Protein backbone atom coordinates (compact mmCIF):
# COMPACT_ATOMS: atom_id res chain seq x y z
CA MET A 1 96.23 48.20 -9.97
CA GLY A 2 97.22 51.36 -8.36
CA PRO A 3 100.63 52.29 -7.09
CA ALA A 4 101.92 50.18 -4.19
CA HIS A 5 101.83 51.90 -0.87
CA PRO A 6 104.86 51.29 1.29
CA VAL A 7 104.08 49.51 4.54
CA ARG A 8 105.33 51.33 7.53
CA ILE A 9 107.55 49.11 9.64
CA GLU A 10 106.35 50.82 12.78
CA ALA A 11 102.93 49.33 12.21
CA LEU A 12 104.44 45.84 12.48
CA GLN A 13 106.32 46.49 15.71
CA PRO A 14 103.49 46.00 18.23
CA PRO A 15 102.63 42.46 17.00
CA VAL A 16 106.33 41.54 16.89
CA HIS A 17 106.84 42.82 20.43
CA ARG A 18 103.80 40.89 21.63
CA PHE A 19 105.14 37.77 19.92
CA HIS A 20 108.57 38.18 21.55
CA ARG A 21 106.97 38.71 24.96
CA LEU A 22 104.88 35.58 24.43
CA VAL A 23 107.98 33.56 23.49
CA GLN A 24 109.84 34.89 26.54
CA THR A 25 106.91 34.03 28.80
CA ILE A 26 106.72 30.50 27.43
CA ALA A 27 110.49 30.04 27.78
CA HIS A 28 110.31 31.31 31.37
CA ASP A 29 107.45 28.90 32.15
CA ILE A 30 109.35 25.97 30.63
CA LYS A 31 112.45 26.78 32.70
CA ALA A 32 110.34 27.08 35.84
CA GLU A 33 108.75 23.69 35.13
CA GLU A 34 112.17 22.15 34.53
CA ARG A 35 113.46 23.55 37.82
CA ALA A 36 110.39 22.26 39.66
CA ALA A 37 110.81 18.80 38.11
CA ALA A 38 114.50 18.76 39.07
CA ARG A 39 113.62 19.73 42.66
CA LYS A 40 110.98 16.98 42.75
CA ARG A 41 113.47 14.38 41.46
CA GLU A 42 116.01 15.48 44.07
CA ARG A 43 113.40 15.28 46.88
CA GLU A 44 112.39 11.79 45.73
CA ARG A 45 116.04 10.72 45.61
CA GLU A 46 116.67 12.10 49.09
CA GLU A 47 113.59 10.26 50.40
CA GLN A 48 114.86 7.01 48.89
CA LEU A 49 118.32 7.59 50.32
CA ALA A 50 116.94 8.44 53.76
CA GLU A 51 116.21 4.75 54.13
CA LEU A 52 119.57 3.45 52.95
CA PRO A 53 121.37 0.84 55.00
CA GLY A 54 124.65 1.44 56.71
CA GLY A 55 124.04 5.04 57.67
CA ILE A 56 125.96 6.34 54.66
CA SER A 57 125.20 9.95 53.87
CA LEU A 58 124.09 11.27 50.52
CA SER A 59 127.18 13.45 50.36
CA THR A 60 129.45 10.43 50.87
CA LEU A 61 127.70 8.49 48.11
CA GLU A 62 127.92 11.48 45.79
CA ALA A 63 131.62 11.93 46.53
CA ILE A 64 132.37 8.27 45.79
CA ALA A 65 130.31 8.34 42.59
CA SER A 66 131.95 11.57 41.46
CA CYS A 67 135.41 10.13 42.00
CA GLU A 68 134.67 6.69 40.55
CA SER A 69 132.68 7.62 37.44
CA GLY A 70 132.54 11.39 37.24
CA GLY A 71 128.92 11.04 38.37
CA ASP A 72 127.94 9.19 35.17
CA PRO A 73 125.52 6.34 35.96
CA THR A 74 126.25 4.73 32.58
CA ALA A 75 130.07 4.86 32.90
CA VAL A 76 132.00 1.74 31.90
CA SER A 77 135.73 1.24 32.50
CA SER A 78 137.93 0.95 29.43
CA ASP A 79 138.16 -2.84 29.79
CA GLY A 80 134.41 -3.17 30.55
CA THR A 81 134.95 -4.67 33.99
CA TYR A 82 133.68 -1.83 36.16
CA ARG A 83 130.30 -0.28 35.51
CA GLY A 84 127.97 2.48 36.66
CA LEU A 85 128.23 5.28 39.20
CA PHE A 86 130.21 3.23 41.70
CA GLN A 87 132.12 1.11 39.16
CA PHE A 88 130.70 -2.21 40.31
CA ASP A 89 131.94 -5.39 38.73
CA TYR A 90 129.24 -7.95 37.98
CA ALA A 91 130.18 -10.24 40.90
CA THR A 92 130.01 -7.47 43.50
CA TRP A 93 126.81 -6.09 42.00
CA SER A 94 125.24 -9.54 42.16
CA SER A 95 126.46 -10.08 45.74
CA MET A 96 124.57 -6.93 46.74
CA GLY A 97 121.35 -8.25 45.16
CA GLY A 98 121.69 -6.48 41.83
CA SER A 99 120.86 -8.15 38.56
CA GLY A 100 121.83 -7.30 35.01
CA ASP A 101 124.25 -4.54 34.10
CA PRO A 102 125.01 -2.05 36.91
CA ALA A 103 125.45 0.70 34.31
CA ALA A 104 121.89 0.09 33.07
CA ALA A 105 120.34 0.28 36.55
CA SER A 106 118.59 3.38 37.81
CA VAL A 107 120.56 5.88 39.86
CA ALA A 108 118.41 5.02 42.89
CA GLU A 109 119.24 1.32 42.56
CA GLN A 110 122.94 2.03 42.10
CA ASP A 111 122.87 4.23 45.20
CA TYR A 112 121.06 1.52 47.16
CA ARG A 113 123.48 -1.24 46.13
CA ALA A 114 126.45 1.01 46.95
CA ALA A 115 124.98 1.75 50.37
CA LEU A 116 124.57 -2.00 50.99
CA LEU A 117 128.19 -2.53 49.99
CA TYR A 118 129.31 0.34 52.21
CA ALA A 119 127.33 -1.13 55.13
CA ALA A 120 129.03 -4.50 54.58
CA SER A 121 132.58 -3.37 53.81
CA GLY A 122 132.97 0.30 54.62
CA SER A 123 134.97 2.31 52.12
CA SER A 124 137.41 -0.51 51.27
CA PRO A 125 135.69 -1.39 47.94
CA TRP A 126 136.69 2.08 46.76
CA PRO A 127 140.34 2.28 47.86
CA VAL A 128 141.02 5.54 46.03
CA CYS A 129 137.60 7.18 46.22
CA GLY A 130 136.16 5.83 49.47
């Protein structure tokens, strides 16, 4: 074998730059797809909420949920009594047509059941947050 020839680092730069550009392009595309999916989910949620009973606005529901559970649909009170976005107890959840665990229900269902409760009782079920 002959003497080793040093590889010039400059020769490697163009492929590395192309690779980095490719990674950046893919990352940009992924972020764009995530933003589009988030917008689609929000549009679908708004469409579902447009048909809610009681005339409650999306902003009112969001304010109650934020206050009650910090906006966490899986939130459970420390004693386990109150559950989900709107901190339903099982009896109230059931009286609004819900079944199972409120904290396991979809956000759309929790919103719907809260709107039904609001239509029936106003903000009184949420004395601090309503």
